[in-house]
Amino acid sequence: LGQIGLIAGLIAVPELVQFADIANQGMGLVFL
């Protein structure tokens, strides 16, 4: 529930790192 704003924000308002593979890892491995 706390991540909902962050994740939706990453999808709807692109952060600079969204171009990087590292961004996709950050989404997929947020639970680490």
Full PDB file with SEQRES, HELIX, SHEET, SSBOND, CRYST1, ORIGX, SCALE, CONECT and MASTER records, all heavy atoms in Angstrom:
SEQRES   1 A   32  LEU GLY GLN ILE GLY LEU ILE ALA GLY LEU ILE ALA VAL          
SEQRES   2 A   32  PRO GLU LEU VAL GLN PHE ALA ASP ILE ALA ASN GLN GLY          
SEQRES   3 A   32  MET GLY LEU VAL PHE LEU                                      
HELIX    1 AA1 GLN A    3  ALA A   12  1                                  10    
HELIX    2 AA2 LEU A   16  PHE A   19  5                                   4    
HELIX    3 AA3 ASP A   21  GLY A   28  1                                   8    
CRYST1    1.000    1.000    1.000  90.00  90.00  90.00 P 1           1          
ORIGX1      1.000000  0.000000  0.000000        0.00000                         
ORIGX2      0.000000  1.000000  0.000000        0.00000                         
ORIGX3      0.000000  0.000000  1.000000        0.00000                         
SCALE1      1.000000  0.000000  0.000000        0.00000                         
SCALE2      0.000000  1.000000  0.000000        0.00000                         
SCALE3      0.000000  0.000000  1.000000        0.00000                         
ATOM      1  N   LEU A   1       0.831  -1.202   0.000  1.00  0.00           N  
ATOM      2  CA  LEU A   1       0.000   0.000   0.000  1.00  0.00           C  
ATOM      3  C   LEU A   1       0.862   1.246   0.000  1.00  0.00           C  
ATOM      4  O   LEU A   1       0.513   2.255  -0.608  1.00  0.00           O  
ATOM      5  CB  LEU A   1      -0.951  -0.015   1.203  1.00  0.00           C  
ATOM      6  CG  LEU A   1      -1.980  -1.151   1.174  1.00  0.00           C  
ATOM      7  CD1 LEU A   1      -2.871  -1.085   2.410  1.00  0.00           C  
ATOM      8  CD2 LEU A   1      -2.838  -1.071  -0.076  1.00  0.00           C  
ATOM      9  N   GLY A   2       2.010   1.180   0.666  1.00  0.00           N  
ATOM     10  CA  GLY A   2       2.910   2.317   0.663  1.00  0.00           C  
ATOM     11  C   GLY A   2       3.595   2.485  -0.680  1.00  0.00           C  
ATOM     12  O   GLY A   2       3.932   3.603  -1.079  1.00  0.00           O  
ATOM     13  N   GLN A   3       3.786   1.356  -1.403  1.00  0.00           N  
ATOM     14  CA  GLN A   3       4.475   1.412  -2.686  1.00  0.00           C  
ATOM     15  C   GLN A   3       3.557   1.846  -3.816  1.00  0.00           C  
ATOM     16  O   GLN A   3       4.009   2.163  -4.905  1.00  0.00           O  
ATOM     17  CB  GLN A   3       5.063   0.034  -3.036  1.00  0.00           C  
ATOM     18  CG  GLN A   3       6.229  -0.388  -2.178  1.00  0.00           C  
ATOM     19  CD  GLN A   3       7.468   0.397  -2.486  1.00  0.00           C  
ATOM     20  OE1 GLN A   3       7.584   1.002  -3.532  1.00  0.00           O  
ATOM     21  NE2 GLN A   3       8.413   0.402  -1.571  1.00  0.00           N  
ATOM     22  N   ILE A   4       2.239   1.858  -3.571  1.00  0.00           N  
ATOM     23  CA  ILE A   4       1.313   2.119  -4.658  1.00  0.00           C  
ATOM     24  C   ILE A   4       1.591   3.459  -5.327  1.00  0.00           C  
ATOM     25  O   ILE A   4       1.587   3.572  -6.548  1.00  0.00           O  
ATOM     26  CB  ILE A   4      -0.147   2.031  -4.152  1.00  0.00           C  
ATOM     27  CG1 ILE A   4      -1.121   2.107  -5.337  1.00  0.00           C  
ATOM     28  CG2 ILE A   4      -0.476   3.112  -3.167  1.00  0.00           C  
ATOM     29  CD1 ILE A   4      -2.548   1.775  -4.924  1.00  0.00           C  
ATOM     30  N   GLY A   5       1.853   4.487  -4.525  1.00  0.00           N  
ATOM     31  CA  GLY A   5       2.154   5.793  -5.107  1.00  0.00           C  
ATOM     32  C   GLY A   5       3.460   5.775  -5.863  1.00  0.00           C  
ATOM     33  O   GLY A   5       3.570   6.327  -6.959  1.00  0.00           O  
ATOM     34  N   LEU A   6       4.472   5.079  -5.301  1.00  0.00           N  
ATOM     35  CA  LEU A   6       5.782   5.022  -5.946  1.00  0.00           C  
ATOM     36  C   LEU A   6       5.706   4.289  -7.277  1.00  0.00           C  
ATOM     37  O   LEU A   6       6.171   4.774  -8.297  1.00  0.00           O  
ATOM     38  CB  LEU A   6       6.784   4.315  -5.024  1.00  0.00           C  
ATOM     39  CG  LEU A   6       8.145   3.992  -5.651  1.00  0.00           C  
ATOM     40  CD1 LEU A   6       8.860   5.256  -6.065  1.00  0.00           C  
ATOM     41  CD2 LEU A   6       8.984   3.178  -4.688  1.00  0.00           C  
ATOM     42  N   ILE A   7       5.070   3.105  -7.272  1.00  0.00           N  
ATOM     43  CA  ILE A   7       5.028   2.306  -8.482  1.00  0.00           C  
ATOM     44  C   ILE A   7       4.175   2.991  -9.548  1.00  0.00           C  
ATOM     45  O   ILE A   7       4.552   3.077 -10.710  1.00  0.00           O  
ATOM     46  CB  ILE A   7       4.498   0.891  -8.178  1.00  0.00           C  
ATOM     47  CG1 ILE A   7       5.477   0.174  -7.238  1.00  0.00           C  
ATOM     48  CG2 ILE A   7       4.317   0.091  -9.461  1.00  0.00           C  
ATOM     49  CD1 ILE A   7       5.005  -1.177  -6.778  1.00  0.00           C  
ATOM     50  N   ALA A   8       3.019   3.499  -9.142  1.00  0.00           N  
ATOM     51  CA  ALA A   8       2.176   4.214 -10.100  1.00  0.00           C  
ATOM     52  C   ALA A   8       2.918   5.429 -10.631  1.00  0.00           C  
ATOM     53  O   ALA A   8       2.810   5.782 -11.804  1.00  0.00           O  
ATOM     54  CB  ALA A   8       0.872   4.625  -9.442  1.00  0.00           C  
ATOM     55  N   GLY A   9       3.683   6.069  -9.759  1.00  0.00           N  
ATOM     56  CA  GLY A   9       4.457   7.231 -10.183  1.00  0.00           C  
ATOM     57  C   GLY A   9       5.524   6.860 -11.192  1.00  0.00           C  
ATOM     58  O   GLY A   9       5.747   7.574 -12.169  1.00  0.00           O  
ATOM     59  N   LEU A  10       6.159   5.700 -10.971  1.00  0.00           N  
ATOM     60  CA  LEU A  10       7.183   5.275 -11.923  1.00  0.00           C  
ATOM     61  C   LEU A  10       6.573   4.972 -13.283  1.00  0.00           C  
ATOM     62  O   LEU A  10       7.194   5.179 -14.314  1.00  0.00           O  
ATOM     63  CB  LEU A  10       7.894   4.023 -11.390  1.00  0.00           C  
ATOM     64  CG  LEU A  10       8.936   4.251 -10.291  1.00  0.00           C  
ATOM     65  CD1 LEU A  10       9.381   2.928  -9.710  1.00  0.00           C  
ATOM     66  CD2 LEU A  10      10.119   5.016 -10.829  1.00  0.00           C  
ATOM     67  N   ILE A  11       5.339   4.487 -13.267  1.00  0.00           N  
ATOM     68  CA  ILE A  11       4.684   4.166 -14.528  1.00  0.00           C  
ATOM     69  C   ILE A  11       4.186   5.428 -15.219  1.00  0.00           C  
ATOM     70  O   ILE A  11       4.346   5.616 -16.413  1.00  0.00           O  
ATOM     71  CB  ILE A  11       3.511   3.186 -14.286  1.00  0.00           C  
ATOM     72  CG1 ILE A  11       4.057   1.833 -13.812  1.00  0.00           C  
ATOM     73  CG2 ILE A  11       2.672   2.997 -15.538  1.00  0.00           C  
ATOM     74  CD1 ILE A  11       2.993   0.873 -13.356  1.00  0.00           C  
ATOM     75  N   ALA A  12       3.566   6.331 -14.451  1.00  0.00           N  
ATOM     76  CA  ALA A  12       2.880   7.464 -15.052  1.00  0.00           C  
ATOM     77  C   ALA A  12       3.742   8.700 -15.195  1.00  0.00           C  
ATOM     78  O   ALA A  12       3.528   9.517 -16.067  1.00  0.00           O  
ATOM     79  CB  ALA A  12       1.639   7.808 -14.232  1.00  0.00           C  
ATOM     80  N   VAL A  13       4.690   8.889 -14.309  1.00  0.00           N  
ATOM     81  CA  VAL A  13       5.593  10.035 -14.396  1.00  0.00           C  
ATOM     82  C   VAL A  13       7.002   9.487 -14.470  1.00  0.00           C  
ATOM     83  O   VAL A  13       7.594   9.142 -13.455  1.00  0.00           O  
ATOM     84  CB  VAL A  13       5.448  10.967 -13.182  1.00  0.00           C  
ATOM     85  CG1 VAL A  13       6.391  12.150 -13.319  1.00  0.00           C  
ATOM     86  CG2 VAL A  13       4.007  11.449 -13.062  1.00  0.00           C  
ATOM     87  N   PRO A  14       7.569   9.354 -15.645  1.00  0.00           N  
ATOM     88  CA  PRO A  14       8.840   8.654 -15.811  1.00  0.00           C  
ATOM     89  C   PRO A  14       9.959   9.283 -14.996  1.00  0.00           C  
ATOM     90  O   PRO A  14      10.200  10.470 -15.085  1.00  0.00           O  
ATOM     91  CB  PRO A  14       9.133   8.790 -17.312  1.00  0.00           C  
ATOM     92  CG  PRO A  14       7.812   9.133 -17.925  1.00  0.00           C  
ATOM     93  CD  PRO A  14       7.065   9.910 -16.892  1.00  0.00           C  
ATOM     94  N   GLU A  15      10.636   8.470 -14.226  1.00  0.00           N  
ATOM     95  CA  GLU A  15      11.865   8.891 -13.570  1.00  0.00           C  
ATOM     96  C   GLU A  15      13.001   8.713 -14.578  1.00  0.00           C  
ATOM     97  O   GLU A  15      12.889   7.976 -15.559  1.00  0.00           O  
ATOM     98  CB  GLU A  15      12.125   8.052 -12.325  1.00  0.00           C  
ATOM     99  CG  GLU A  15      11.049   8.168 -11.256  1.00  0.00           C  
ATOM    100  CD  GLU A  15      11.023   9.546 -10.600  1.00  0.00           C  
ATOM    101  OE1 GLU A  15      12.060  10.243 -10.669  1.00  0.00           O  
ATOM    102  OE2 GLU A  15       9.992   9.922 -10.040  1.00  0.00           O  
ATOM    103  N   LEU A  16      14.099   9.347 -14.312  1.00  0.00           N  
ATOM    104  CA  LEU A  16      15.213   9.272 -15.255  1.00  0.00           C  
ATOM    105  C   LEU A  16      15.697   7.853 -15.469  1.00  0.00           C  
ATOM    106  O   LEU A  16      16.106   7.480 -16.571  1.00  0.00           O  
ATOM    107  CB  LEU A  16      16.360  10.150 -14.761  1.00  0.00           C  
ATOM    108  CG  LEU A  16      16.022  11.620 -14.505  1.00  0.00           C  
ATOM    109  CD1 LEU A  16      17.279  12.370 -14.098  1.00  0.00           C  
ATOM    110  CD2 LEU A  16      15.406  12.256 -15.736  1.00  0.00           C  
ATOM    111  N   VAL A  17      15.660   7.043 -14.408  1.00  0.00           N  
ATOM    112  CA  VAL A  17      16.254   5.708 -14.512  1.00  0.00           C  
ATOM    113  C   VAL A  17      15.361   4.725 -15.226  1.00  0.00           C  
ATOM    114  O   VAL A  17      15.734   3.573 -15.383  1.00  0.00           O  
ATOM    115  CB  VAL A  17      16.600   5.142 -13.118  1.00  0.00           C  
ATOM    116  CG1 VAL A  17      17.679   5.933 -12.462  1.00  0.00           C  
ATOM    117  CG2 VAL A  17      15.354   5.074 -12.240  1.00  0.00           C  
ATOM    118  N   GLN A  18      14.183   5.120 -15.708  1.00  0.00           N  
ATOM    119  CA  GLN A  18      13.322   4.139 -16.337  1.00  0.00           C  
ATOM    120  C   GLN A  18      13.922   3.593 -17.630  1.00  0.00           C  
ATOM    121  O   GLN A  18      13.524   2.549 -18.122  1.00  0.00           O  
ATOM    122  CB  GLN A  18      11.939   4.710 -16.604  1.00  0.00           C  
ATOM    123  CG  GLN A  18      11.798   5.460 -17.915  1.00  0.00           C  
ATOM    124  CD  GLN A  18      10.338   5.561 -18.319  1.00  0.00           C  
ATOM    125  OE1 GLN A  18       9.525   6.052 -17.572  1.00  0.00           O  
ATOM    126  NE2 GLN A  18      10.015   5.062 -19.482  1.00  0.00           N  
ATOM    127  N   PHE A  19      14.909   4.296 -18.188  1.00  0.00           N  
ATOM    128  CA  PHE A  19      15.552   3.804 -19.395  1.00  0.00           C  
ATOM    129  C   PHE A  19      16.496   2.648 -19.096  1.00  0.00           C  
ATOM    130  O   PHE A  19      16.886   1.920 -19.986  1.00  0.00           O  
ATOM    131  CB  PHE A  19      16.363   4.932 -20.058  1.00  0.00           C  
ATOM    132  CG  PHE A  19      15.513   5.866 -20.870  1.00  0.00           C  
ATOM    133  CD1 PHE A  19      14.542   6.624 -20.270  1.00  0.00           C  
ATOM    134  CD2 PHE A  19      15.713   5.980 -22.232  1.00  0.00           C  
ATOM    135  CE1 PHE A  19      13.768   7.495 -21.016  1.00  0.00           C  
ATOM    136  CE2 PHE A  19      14.946   6.856 -22.988  1.00  0.00           C  
ATOM    137  CZ  PHE A  19      13.963   7.611 -22.375  1.00  0.00           C  
ATOM    138  N   ALA A  20      16.891   2.505 -17.844  1.00  0.00           N  
ATOM    139  CA  ALA A  20      17.932   1.535 -17.502  1.00  0.00           C  
ATOM    140  C   ALA A  20      17.344   0.185 -17.150  1.00  0.00           C  
ATOM    141  O   ALA A  20      16.252   0.084 -16.628  1.00  0.00           O  
ATOM    142  CB  ALA A  20      18.758   2.049 -16.325  1.00  0.00           C  
ATOM    143  N   ASP A  21      18.105  -0.882 -17.439  1.00  0.00           N  
ATOM    144  CA  ASP A  21      17.715  -2.214 -16.975  1.00  0.00           C  
ATOM    145  C   ASP A  21      17.569  -2.219 -15.474  1.00  0.00           C  
ATOM    146  O   ASP A  21      16.752  -2.926 -14.908  1.00  0.00           O  
ATOM    147  CB  ASP A  21      18.794  -3.245 -17.354  1.00  0.00           C  
ATOM    148  CG  ASP A  21      18.732  -3.598 -18.833  1.00  0.00           C  
ATOM    149  OD1 ASP A  21      17.762  -3.210 -19.492  1.00  0.00           O  
ATOM    150  OD2 ASP A  21      19.675  -4.240 -19.306  1.00  0.00           O  
ATOM    151  N   ILE A  22      18.391  -1.424 -14.822  1.00  0.00           N  
ATOM    152  CA  ILE A  22      18.392  -1.379 -13.370  1.00  0.00           C  
ATOM    153  C   ILE A  22      17.029  -0.970 -12.831  1.00  0.00           C  
ATOM    154  O   ILE A  22      16.611  -1.381 -11.759  1.00  0.00           O  
ATOM    155  CB  ILE A  22      19.481  -0.414 -12.860  1.00  0.00           C  
ATOM    156  CG1 ILE A  22      19.772  -0.627 -11.384  1.00  0.00           C  
ATOM    157  CG2 ILE A  22      19.097   1.033 -13.064  1.00  0.00           C  
ATOM    158  CD1 ILE A  22      20.952   0.166 -10.901  1.00  0.00           C  
ATOM    159  N   ALA A  23      16.284  -0.177 -13.585  1.00  0.00           N  
ATOM    160  CA  ALA A  23      14.959   0.241 -13.142  1.00  0.00           C  
ATOM    161  C   ALA A  23      14.018  -0.951 -13.104  1.00  0.00           C  
ATOM    162  O   ALA A  23      13.244  -1.115 -12.170  1.00  0.00           O  
ATOM    163  CB  ALA A  23      14.403   1.318 -14.070  1.00  0.00           C  
ATOM    164  N   ASN A  24      14.076  -1.784 -14.136  1.00  0.00           N  
ATOM    165  CA  ASN A  24      13.226  -2.962 -14.153  1.00  0.00           C  
ATOM    166  C   ASN A  24      13.590  -3.911 -13.028  1.00  0.00           C  
ATOM    167  O   ASN A  24      12.729  -4.546 -12.423  1.00  0.00           O  
ATOM    168  CB  ASN A  24      13.344  -3.680 -15.500  1.00  0.00           C  
ATOM    169  CG  ASN A  24      12.813  -2.836 -16.643  1.00  0.00           C  
ATOM    170  OD1 ASN A  24      11.868  -2.086 -16.455  1.00  0.00           O  
ATOM    171  ND2 ASN A  24      13.435  -2.940 -17.809  1.00  0.00           N  
ATOM    172  N   GLN A  25      14.881  -4.019 -12.736  1.00  0.00           N  
ATOM    173  CA  GLN A  25      15.293  -4.850 -11.614  1.00  0.00           C  
ATOM    174  C   GLN A  25      14.768  -4.268 -10.316  1.00  0.00           C  
ATOM    175  O   GLN A  25      14.314  -4.983  -9.434  1.00  0.00           O  
ATOM    176  CB  GLN A  25      16.819  -4.939 -11.558  1.00  0.00           C  
ATOM    177  CG  GLN A  25      17.424  -5.703 -12.714  1.00  0.00           C  
ATOM    178  CD  GLN A  25      18.926  -5.617 -12.702  1.00  0.00           C  
ATOM    179  OE1 GLN A  25      19.515  -5.135 -11.743  1.00  0.00           O  
ATOM    180  NE2 GLN A  25      19.557  -6.074 -13.752  1.00  0.00           N  
ATOM    181  N   GLY A  26      14.832  -2.956 -10.207  1.00  0.00           N  
ATOM    182  CA  GLY A  26      14.359  -2.307  -8.997  1.00  0.00           C  
ATOM    183  C   GLY A  26      12.893  -2.580  -8.753  1.00  0.00           C  
ATOM    184  O   GLY A  26      12.454  -2.759  -7.625  1.00  0.00           O  
ATOM    185  N   MET A  27      12.077  -2.629  -9.826  1.00  0.00           N  
ATOM    186  CA  MET A  27      10.668  -2.943  -9.696  1.00  0.00           C  
ATOM    187  C   MET A  27      10.494  -4.401  -9.296  1.00  0.00           C  
ATOM    188  O   MET A  27       9.769  -4.733  -8.379  1.00  0.00           O  
ATOM    189  CB  MET A  27       9.955  -2.692 -11.026  1.00  0.00           C  
ATOM    190  CG  MET A  27       9.918  -1.241 -11.435  1.00  0.00           C  
ATOM    191  SD  MET A  27       8.612  -0.335 -10.621  1.00  0.00           S  
ATOM    192  CE  MET A  27       7.186  -0.987 -11.507  1.00  0.00           C  
ATOM    193  N   GLY A  28      11.182  -5.291 -10.012  1.00  0.00           N  
ATOM    194  CA  GLY A  28      11.004  -6.711  -9.773  1.00  0.00           C  
ATOM    195  C   GLY A  28      11.579  -7.176  -8.461  1.00  0.00           C  
ATOM    196  O   GLY A  28      11.116  -8.145  -7.874  1.00  0.00           O  
ATOM    197  N   LEU A  29      12.631  -6.496  -7.980  1.00  0.00           N  
ATOM    198  CA  LEU A  29      13.305  -6.941  -6.775  1.00  0.00           C  
ATOM    199  C   LEU A  29      13.080  -5.992  -5.607  1.00  0.00           C  
ATOM    200  O   LEU A  29      13.866  -5.935  -4.684  1.00  0.00           O  
ATOM    201  CB  LEU A  29      14.816  -7.081  -7.048  1.00  0.00           C  
ATOM    202  CG  LEU A  29      15.193  -8.008  -8.207  1.00  0.00           C  
ATOM    203  CD1 LEU A  29      16.694  -8.096  -8.336  1.00  0.00           C  
ATOM    204  CD2 LEU A  29      14.608  -9.381  -8.006  1.00  0.00           C  
ATOM    205  N   VAL A  30      11.970  -5.254  -5.665  1.00  0.00           N  
ATOM    206  CA  VAL A  30      11.708  -4.300  -4.595  1.00  0.00           C  
ATOM    207  C   VAL A  30      11.608  -4.994  -3.248  1.00  0.00           C  
ATOM    208  O   VAL A  30      11.877  -4.419  -2.221  1.00  0.00           O  
ATOM    209  CB  VAL A  30      10.414  -3.507  -4.875  1.00  0.00           C  
ATOM    210  CG1 VAL A  30       9.187  -4.383  -4.816  1.00  0.00           C  
ATOM    211  CG2 VAL A  30      10.257  -2.350  -3.890  1.00  0.00           C  
ATOM    212  N   PHE A  31      11.264  -6.275  -3.265  1.00  0.00           N  
ATOM    213  CA  PHE A  31      11.082  -6.991  -2.012  1.00  0.00           C  
ATOM    214  C   PHE A  31      12.390  -7.425  -1.373  1.00  0.00           C  
ATOM    215  O   PHE A  31      12.399  -8.039  -0.322  1.00  0.00           O  
ATOM    216  CB  PHE A  31      10.199  -8.220  -2.247  1.00  0.00           C  
ATOM    217  CG  PHE A  31       8.959  -7.905  -3.017  1.00  0.00           C  
ATOM    218  CD1 PHE A  31       8.612  -8.630  -4.136  1.00  0.00           C  
ATOM    219  CD2 PHE A  31       8.138  -6.853  -2.631  1.00  0.00           C  
ATOM    220  CE1 PHE A  31       7.470  -8.315  -4.863  1.00  0.00           C  
ATOM    221  CE2 PHE A  31       6.994  -6.538  -3.347  1.00  0.00           C  
ATOM    222  CZ  PHE A  31       6.670  -7.271  -4.464  1.00  0.00           C  
ATOM    223  N   LEU A  32      13.521  -7.117  -2.013  1.00  0.00           N  
ATOM    224  CA  LEU A  32      14.803  -7.515  -1.450  1.00  0.00           C  
ATOM    225  C   LEU A  32      15.327  -6.519  -0.422  1.00  0.00           C  
ATOM    226  O   LEU A  32      16.337  -6.761   0.202  1.00  0.00           O  
ATOM    227  CB  LEU A  32      15.833  -7.676  -2.574  1.00  0.00           C  
ATOM    228  CG  LEU A  32      15.523  -8.767  -3.589  1.00  0.00           C  
ATOM    229  CD1 LEU A  32      16.657  -8.882  -4.583  1.00  0.00           C  
ATOM    230  CD2 LEU A  32      15.272 -10.086  -2.920  1.00  0.00           C  
TER     231      LEU A  32                                                      
MASTER        0    0    0    3    0    0    0    6  230    1    0    3          
END                                                                             
